[in-house]
Amino acid sequence: MNLTTLLLFIPACFALNMAPGPNNLLSLNNASRYGFGQSCLAGAGRLLAFAGMIALAAMGLAVVLHASEHLFMAIKLIGAAYLFYLAVQLWRAPVGGAAAQAASRRGLFRLASQEFWVAAGNPKAILIFTAFLPQFVNVDSSTSVAQQFAWLGAMFLLLEWLAIAIYAWLGSHLQRWFSQPRQQRLFNRASAVLLGCAGAGLLAARR
């Protein structure tokens, strides 16, 4: 990849990484409830899902998803249902002392699983990889297309983790502002509404 392509790819890619969506909202809320470190580590679940999607796009299997209306619909419905489930959980989340006890029981694996399933349940993500990454592949280069795709995918994941850290940092600062039970409940329910809206938006999404 030449320098010009790299200078185009990084800002365009980071804009996608930073776009407010269900996963970034989840990182924000997790950091506000469980801390910066837990939220960043939980983001590994999202990266695992995206790595799988990038691999599928590189192998051309994303074409199947693009062509199959039924498969797209099935993944979309499952993803939206999971977002609604998380929204309900956040709406009913304990606050104050009860929240601290719940946080101590909430393992890192469960938080990472949430990140993974929110990412995996969005079929538009794999279509983004199919449409976005190939724009920066040079078929005339001496480097193979597969190797170029691997480098682009690795940079995307690195920038995604930077976005996770930024949202987690913001969430950890919100933890100080929403220290009172009433404020915590307000923040949790606002996040729940936004996740519910993301679920509704996913239901309205088309291929």
C-alpha atoms as a PDB file:
ATOM      1  CA  MET A   1       0.000   0.000   0.000  1.00  0.00           C
ATOM      2  CA  ASN A   2       1.461   3.358  -0.990  1.00  0.00           C
ATOM      3  CA  LEU A   3       1.518   6.446   1.224  1.00  0.00           C
ATOM      4  CA  THR A   4      -1.279   8.205  -0.663  1.00  0.00           C
ATOM      5  CA  THR A   5      -3.652   5.273  -0.200  1.00  0.00           C
ATOM      6  CA  LEU A   6      -2.710   5.043   3.469  1.00  0.00           C
ATOM      7  CA  LEU A   7      -3.396   8.749   4.036  1.00  0.00           C
ATOM      8  CA  LEU A   8      -6.838   8.286   2.473  1.00  0.00           C
ATOM      9  CA  PHE A   9      -7.638   5.036   4.284  1.00  0.00           C
ATOM     10  CA  ILE A  10      -6.817   6.004   7.869  1.00  0.00           C
ATOM     11  CA  PRO A  11      -9.142   9.045   8.244  1.00  0.00           C
ATOM     12  CA  ALA A  12     -11.946   7.396   6.266  1.00  0.00           C
ATOM     13  CA  CYS A  13     -11.631   4.222   8.318  1.00  0.00           C
ATOM     14  CA  PHE A  14     -11.428   6.054  11.653  1.00  0.00           C
ATOM     15  CA  ALA A  15     -14.576   8.002  10.780  1.00  0.00           C
ATOM     16  CA  LEU A  16     -16.354   4.650  10.441  1.00  0.00           C
ATOM     17  CA  ASN A  17     -14.843   3.421  13.705  1.00  0.00           C
ATOM     18  CA  MET A  18     -15.956   6.509  15.612  1.00  0.00           C
ATOM     19  CA  ALA A  19     -19.495   6.631  14.218  1.00  0.00           C
ATOM     20  CA  PRO A  20     -21.955   6.371  17.140  1.00  0.00           C
ATOM     21  CA  GLY A  21     -23.582   2.968  16.962  1.00  0.00           C
ATOM     22  CA  PRO A  22     -24.759   0.147  19.249  1.00  0.00           C
ATOM     23  CA  ASN A  23     -21.257  -1.177  19.996  1.00  0.00           C
ATOM     24  CA  ASN A  24     -19.784   2.233  20.793  1.00  0.00           C
ATOM     25  CA  LEU A  25     -22.793   3.017  22.961  1.00  0.00           C
ATOM     26  CA  LEU A  26     -22.219  -0.296  24.752  1.00  0.00           C
ATOM     27  CA  SER A  27     -18.564   0.604  25.407  1.00  0.00           C
ATOM     28  CA  LEU A  28     -19.647   3.989  26.751  1.00  0.00           C
ATOM     29  CA  ASN A  29     -22.196   2.457  29.099  1.00  0.00           C
ATOM     30  CA  ASN A  30     -19.923  -0.393  30.219  1.00  0.00           C
ATOM     31  CA  ALA A  31     -17.175   2.083  31.126  1.00  0.00           C
ATOM     32  CA  SER A  32     -19.626   4.221  33.096  1.00  0.00           C
ATOM     33  CA  ARG A  33     -20.709   1.154  35.079  1.00  0.00           C
ATOM     34  CA  TYR A  34     -17.616  -1.080  35.286  1.00  0.00           C
ATOM     35  CA  GLY A  35     -14.656   1.174  34.507  1.00  0.00           C
ATOM     36  CA  PHE A  36     -12.325   2.029  31.640  1.00  0.00           C
ATOM     37  CA  GLY A  37     -10.257  -1.170  31.730  1.00  0.00           C
ATOM     38  CA  GLN A  38     -13.207  -3.547  31.722  1.00  0.00           C
ATOM     39  CA  SER A  39     -14.818  -1.736  28.817  1.00  0.00           C
ATOM     40  CA  CYS A  40     -11.610  -1.776  26.738  1.00  0.00           C
ATOM     41  CA  LEU A  41     -11.015  -5.476  27.362  1.00  0.00           C
ATOM     42  CA  ALA A  42     -14.643  -6.307  26.623  1.00  0.00           C
ATOM     43  CA  GLY A  43     -14.150  -4.653  23.233  1.00  0.00           C
ATOM     44  CA  ALA A  44     -12.113  -7.728  22.239  1.00  0.00           C
ATOM     45  CA  GLY A  45     -15.441  -9.462  21.659  1.00  0.00           C
ATOM     46  CA  ARG A  46     -16.351  -6.866  19.040  1.00  0.00           C
ATOM     47  CA  LEU A  47     -12.939  -7.162  17.378  1.00  0.00           C
ATOM     48  CA  LEU A  48     -13.360 -10.937  17.158  1.00  0.00           C
ATOM     49  CA  ALA A  49     -16.708 -10.527  15.390  1.00  0.00           C
ATOM     50  CA  PHE A  50     -15.293  -7.915  13.000  1.00  0.00           C
ATOM     51  CA  ALA A  51     -12.233 -10.076  12.266  1.00  0.00           C
ATOM     52  CA  GLY A  52     -14.576 -12.888  11.244  1.00  0.00           C
ATOM     53  CA  MET A  53     -16.536 -10.528   9.013  1.00  0.00           C
ATOM     54  CA  ILE A  54     -13.362  -9.236   7.371  1.00  0.00           C
ATOM     55  CA  ALA A  55     -12.276 -12.821   6.690  1.00  0.00           C
ATOM     56  CA  LEU A  56     -15.667 -13.596   5.125  1.00  0.00           C
ATOM     57  CA  ALA A  57     -15.449 -10.475   2.980  1.00  0.00           C
ATOM     58  CA  ALA A  58     -11.920 -11.401   1.878  1.00  0.00           C
ATOM     59  CA  MET A  59     -13.091 -14.876   0.850  1.00  0.00           C
ATOM     60  CA  GLY A  60     -16.020 -13.444  -1.072  1.00  0.00           C
ATOM     61  CA  LEU A  61     -18.591 -15.149   1.140  1.00  0.00           C
ATOM     62  CA  ALA A  62     -20.190 -11.794   1.918  1.00  0.00           C
ATOM     63  CA  VAL A  63     -21.634 -11.943  -1.588  1.00  0.00           C
ATOM     64  CA  VAL A  64     -23.912 -14.719  -0.323  1.00  0.00           C
ATOM     65  CA  LEU A  65     -25.264 -12.422   2.396  1.00  0.00           C
ATOM     66  CA  HIS A  66     -25.696  -9.615  -0.117  1.00  0.00           C
ATOM     67  CA  ALA A  67     -27.608 -11.879  -2.487  1.00  0.00           C
ATOM     68  CA  SER A  68     -29.727 -13.722   0.071  1.00  0.00           C
ATOM     69  CA  GLU A  69     -32.626 -11.633   1.313  1.00  0.00           C
ATOM     70  CA  HIS A  70     -33.711 -14.379   3.748  1.00  0.00           C
ATOM     71  CA  LEU A  71     -30.273 -14.700   5.357  1.00  0.00           C
ATOM     72  CA  PHE A  72     -29.943 -10.929   5.691  1.00  0.00           C
ATOM     73  CA  MET A  73     -33.418 -10.753   7.246  1.00  0.00           C
ATOM     74  CA  ALA A  74     -32.680 -13.574   9.705  1.00  0.00           C
ATOM     75  CA  ILE A  75     -29.453 -11.977  10.967  1.00  0.00           C
ATOM     76  CA  LYS A  76     -31.152  -8.579  11.117  1.00  0.00           C
ATOM     77  CA  LEU A  77     -34.053  -9.896  13.233  1.00  0.00           C
ATOM     78  CA  ILE A  78     -31.745 -11.727  15.638  1.00  0.00           C
ATOM     79  CA  GLY A  79     -29.516  -8.658  15.985  1.00  0.00           C
ATOM     80  CA  ALA A  80     -32.455  -6.318  16.582  1.00  0.00           C
ATOM     81  CA  ALA A  81     -33.966  -8.709  19.149  1.00  0.00           C
ATOM     82  CA  TYR A  82     -30.665  -8.785  21.040  1.00  0.00           C
ATOM     83  CA  LEU A  83     -30.461  -4.990  21.063  1.00  0.00           C
ATOM     84  CA  PHE A  84     -34.000  -4.811  22.455  1.00  0.00           C
ATOM     85  CA  TYR A  85     -33.019  -7.375  25.101  1.00  0.00           C
ATOM     86  CA  LEU A  86     -30.003  -5.265  26.135  1.00  0.00           C
ATOM     87  CA  ALA A  87     -32.196  -2.154  26.207  1.00  0.00           C
ATOM     88  CA  VAL A  88     -34.596  -3.858  28.628  1.00  0.00           C
ATOM     89  CA  GLN A  89     -31.677  -5.021  30.796  1.00  0.00           C
ATOM     90  CA  LEU A  90     -30.292  -1.476  30.948  1.00  0.00           C
ATOM     91  CA  TRP A  91     -33.697   0.024  31.698  1.00  0.00           C
ATOM     92  CA  ARG A  92     -34.069  -2.350  34.655  1.00  0.00           C
ATOM     93  CA  ALA A  93     -30.399  -2.195  35.747  1.00  0.00           C
ATOM     94  CA  PRO A  94     -29.847  -1.683  39.491  1.00  0.00           C
ATOM     95  CA  VAL A  95     -28.313   1.571  40.721  1.00  0.00           C
ATOM     96  CA  GLY A  96     -26.442   2.677  43.843  1.00  0.00           C
ATOM     97  CA  GLY A  97     -25.260  -0.100  46.167  1.00  0.00           C
ATOM     98  CA  ALA A  98     -27.161  -2.730  44.196  1.00  0.00           C
ATOM     99  CA  ALA A  99     -25.306  -1.641  41.057  1.00  0.00           C
ATOM    100  CA  ALA A 100     -21.938  -2.145  42.776  1.00  0.00           C
ATOM    101  CA  GLN A 101     -22.933  -5.689  43.800  1.00  0.00           C
ATOM    102  CA  ALA A 102     -24.139  -6.445  40.275  1.00  0.00           C
ATOM    103  CA  ALA A 103     -20.883  -5.088  38.813  1.00  0.00           C
ATOM    104  CA  SER A 104     -18.828  -7.410  40.994  1.00  0.00           C
ATOM    105  CA  ARG A 105     -20.787 -10.371  39.608  1.00  0.00           C
ATOM    106  CA  ARG A 106     -20.582  -9.215  35.983  1.00  0.00           C
ATOM    107  CA  GLY A 107     -17.621 -11.038  34.496  1.00  0.00           C
ATOM    108  CA  LEU A 108     -15.428  -9.810  31.679  1.00  0.00           C
ATOM    109  CA  PHE A 109     -16.449 -12.762  29.505  1.00  0.00           C
ATOM    110  CA  ARG A 110     -20.103 -11.729  29.687  1.00  0.00           C
ATOM    111  CA  LEU A 111     -19.313  -8.141  28.718  1.00  0.00           C
ATOM    112  CA  ALA A 112     -17.137  -9.346  25.817  1.00  0.00           C
ATOM    113  CA  SER A 113     -19.948 -11.684  24.733  1.00  0.00           C
ATOM    114  CA  GLN A 114     -22.334  -8.737  24.612  1.00  0.00           C
ATOM    115  CA  GLU A 115     -19.886  -6.817  22.402  1.00  0.00           C
ATOM    116  CA  PHE A 116     -19.477  -9.863  20.147  1.00  0.00           C
ATOM    117  CA  TRP A 117     -23.186 -10.526  19.641  1.00  0.00           C
ATOM    118  CA  VAL A 118     -24.076  -6.863  19.087  1.00  0.00           C
ATOM    119  CA  ALA A 119     -21.426  -6.703  16.337  1.00  0.00           C
ATOM    120  CA  ALA A 120     -22.272 -10.114  14.866  1.00  0.00           C
ATOM    121  CA  GLY A 121     -25.984  -9.311  14.831  1.00  0.00           C
ATOM    122  CA  ASN A 122     -25.536  -6.396  12.447  1.00  0.00           C
ATOM    123  CA  PRO A 123     -25.513  -7.767   8.870  1.00  0.00           C
ATOM    124  CA  LYS A 124     -24.776  -4.311   7.466  1.00  0.00           C
ATOM    125  CA  ALA A 125     -21.323  -4.444   9.079  1.00  0.00           C
ATOM    126  CA  ILE A 126     -20.121  -7.219   6.783  1.00  0.00           C
ATOM    127  CA  LEU A 127     -21.547  -5.370   3.797  1.00  0.00           C
ATOM    128  CA  ILE A 128     -19.552  -2.305   4.875  1.00  0.00           C
ATOM    129  CA  PHE A 129     -16.406  -4.414   4.831  1.00  0.00           C
ATOM    130  CA  THR A 130     -17.357  -5.722   1.397  1.00  0.00           C
ATOM    131  CA  ALA A 131     -17.925  -2.215   0.023  1.00  0.00           C
ATOM    132  CA  PHE A 132     -15.307  -0.213   1.939  1.00  0.00           C
ATOM    133  CA  LEU A 133     -12.078  -2.215   2.197  1.00  0.00           C
ATOM    134  CA  PRO A 134     -11.829  -3.267  -1.481  1.00  0.00           C
ATOM    135  CA  GLN A 135     -11.717   0.400  -2.514  1.00  0.00           C
ATOM    136  CA  PHE A 136      -8.183   0.542  -1.114  1.00  0.00           C
ATOM    137  CA  VAL A 137      -6.925  -2.663  -2.742  1.00  0.00           C
ATOM    138  CA  ASN A 138      -4.636  -2.179  -5.732  1.00  0.00           C
ATOM    139  CA  VAL A 139      -5.005  -5.155  -8.068  1.00  0.00           C
ATOM    140  CA  ASP A 140      -1.962  -3.995 -10.066  1.00  0.00           C
ATOM    141  CA  SER A 141       0.308  -4.061  -7.022  1.00  0.00           C
ATOM    142  CA  SER A 142       3.067  -6.639  -6.618  1.00  0.00           C
ATOM    143  CA  THR A 143       1.516  -7.458  -3.232  1.00  0.00           C
ATOM    144  CA  SER A 144      -1.260 -10.032  -3.461  1.00  0.00           C
ATOM    145  CA  VAL A 145      -4.871  -8.952  -2.969  1.00  0.00           C
ATOM    146  CA  ALA A 146      -5.211 -11.303   0.018  1.00  0.00           C
ATOM    147  CA  GLN A 147      -2.179  -9.758   1.711  1.00  0.00           C
ATOM    148  CA  GLN A 148      -3.429  -6.227   1.070  1.00  0.00           C
ATOM    149  CA  PHE A 149      -6.846  -7.170   2.479  1.00  0.00           C
ATOM    150  CA  ALA A 150      -5.156  -8.635   5.563  1.00  0.00           C
ATOM    151  CA  TRP A 151      -3.213  -5.416   6.163  1.00  0.00           C
ATOM    152  CA  LEU A 152      -6.314  -3.269   5.668  1.00  0.00           C
ATOM    153  CA  GLY A 153      -8.307  -5.493   8.016  1.00  0.00           C
ATOM    154  CA  ALA A 154      -5.580  -5.350  10.673  1.00  0.00           C
ATOM    155  CA  MET A 155      -5.470  -1.545  10.486  1.00  0.00           C
ATOM    156  CA  PHE A 156      -9.260  -1.384  10.700  1.00  0.00           C
ATOM    157  CA  LEU A 157      -9.220  -3.514  13.872  1.00  0.00           C
ATOM    158  CA  LEU A 158      -6.423  -1.412  15.392  1.00  0.00           C
ATOM    159  CA  LEU A 159      -8.363   1.798  14.741  1.00  0.00           C
ATOM    160  CA  GLU A 160     -11.518   0.132  16.061  1.00  0.00           C
ATOM    161  CA  TRP A 161      -9.787  -0.614  19.354  1.00  0.00           C
ATOM    162  CA  LEU A 162      -8.670   3.033  19.518  1.00  0.00           C
ATOM    163  CA  ALA A 163     -12.328   4.041  19.084  1.00  0.00           C
ATOM    164  CA  ILE A 164     -13.285   1.591  21.851  1.00  0.00           C
ATOM    165  CA  ALA A 165     -10.716   3.222  24.145  1.00  0.00           C
ATOM    166  CA  ILE A 166     -12.002   6.723  23.342  1.00  0.00           C
ATOM    167  CA  TYR A 167     -15.610   5.793  24.064  1.00  0.00           C
ATOM    168  CA  ALA A 168     -14.536   3.938  27.206  1.00  0.00           C
ATOM    169  CA  TRP A 169     -12.588   7.003  28.357  1.00  0.00           C
ATOM    170  CA  LEU A 170     -15.676   9.158  27.856  1.00  0.00           C
ATOM    171  CA  GLY A 171     -17.766   6.604  29.740  1.00  0.00           C
ATOM    172  CA  SER A 172     -15.325   6.490  32.663  1.00  0.00           C
ATOM    173  CA  HIS A 173     -15.649  10.274  33.010  1.00  0.00           C
ATOM    174  CA  LEU A 174     -19.421  10.004  32.886  1.00  0.00           C
ATOM    175  CA  GLN A 175     -19.093   7.644  35.865  1.00  0.00           C
ATOM    176  CA  ARG A 176     -18.129  10.637  38.001  1.00  0.00           C
ATOM    177  CA  TRP A 177     -21.001  12.792  36.772  1.00  0.00           C
ATOM    178  CA  PHE A 178     -23.619  10.080  37.300  1.00  0.00           C
ATOM    179  CA  SER A 179     -22.539   9.071  40.789  1.00  0.00           C
ATOM    180  CA  GLN A 180     -25.975   9.422  42.407  1.00  0.00           C
ATOM    181  CA  PRO A 181     -28.594   6.658  42.037  1.00  0.00           C
ATOM    182  CA  ARG A 182     -31.085   8.986  40.337  1.00  0.00           C
ATOM    183  CA  GLN A 183     -28.472  10.143  37.824  1.00  0.00           C
ATOM    184  CA  GLN A 184     -27.331   6.562  37.211  1.00  0.00           C
ATOM    185  CA  ARG A 185     -30.899   5.488  36.509  1.00  0.00           C
ATOM    186  CA  LEU A 186     -31.379   8.412  34.119  1.00  0.00           C
ATOM    187  CA  PHE A 187     -28.180   7.555  32.228  1.00  0.00           C
ATOM    188  CA  ASN A 188     -29.016   3.840  32.049  1.00  0.00           C
ATOM    189  CA  ARG A 189     -32.494   4.537  30.728  1.00  0.00           C
ATOM    190  CA  ALA A 190     -31.230   7.069  28.187  1.00  0.00           C
ATOM    191  CA  SER A 191     -28.772   4.409  26.974  1.00  0.00           C
ATOM    192  CA  ALA A 192     -31.593   1.863  26.899  1.00  0.00           C
ATOM    193  CA  VAL A 193     -33.692   4.164  24.696  1.00  0.00           C
ATOM    194  CA  LEU A 194     -30.744   4.688  22.325  1.00  0.00           C
ATOM    195  CA  LEU A 195     -30.119   0.932  22.091  1.00  0.00           C
ATOM    196  CA  GLY A 196     -33.823   0.418  21.414  1.00  0.00           C
ATOM    197  CA  CYS A 197     -33.641   3.035  18.655  1.00  0.00           C
ATOM    198  CA  ALA A 198     -30.602   1.233  17.221  1.00  0.00           C
ATOM    199  CA  GLY A 199     -32.625  -1.985  17.214  1.00  0.00           C
ATOM    200  CA  ALA A 200     -35.479  -0.250  15.418  1.00  0.00           C
ATOM    201  CA  GLY A 201     -33.005   1.213  12.937  1.00  0.00           C
ATOM    202  CA  LEU A 202     -31.598  -2.248  12.294  1.00  0.00           C
ATOM    203  CA  LEU A 203     -35.078  -3.572  11.602  1.00  0.00           C
ATOM    204  CA  ALA A 204     -35.560  -0.799   9.047  1.00  0.00           C
ATOM    205  CA  ALA A 205     -32.189  -1.471   7.392  1.00  0.00           C
ATOM    206  CA  ARG A 206     -32.122  -2.796   3.847  1.00  0.00           C
ATOM    207  CA  ARG A 207     -29.381  -4.621   2.019  1.00  0.00           C
END
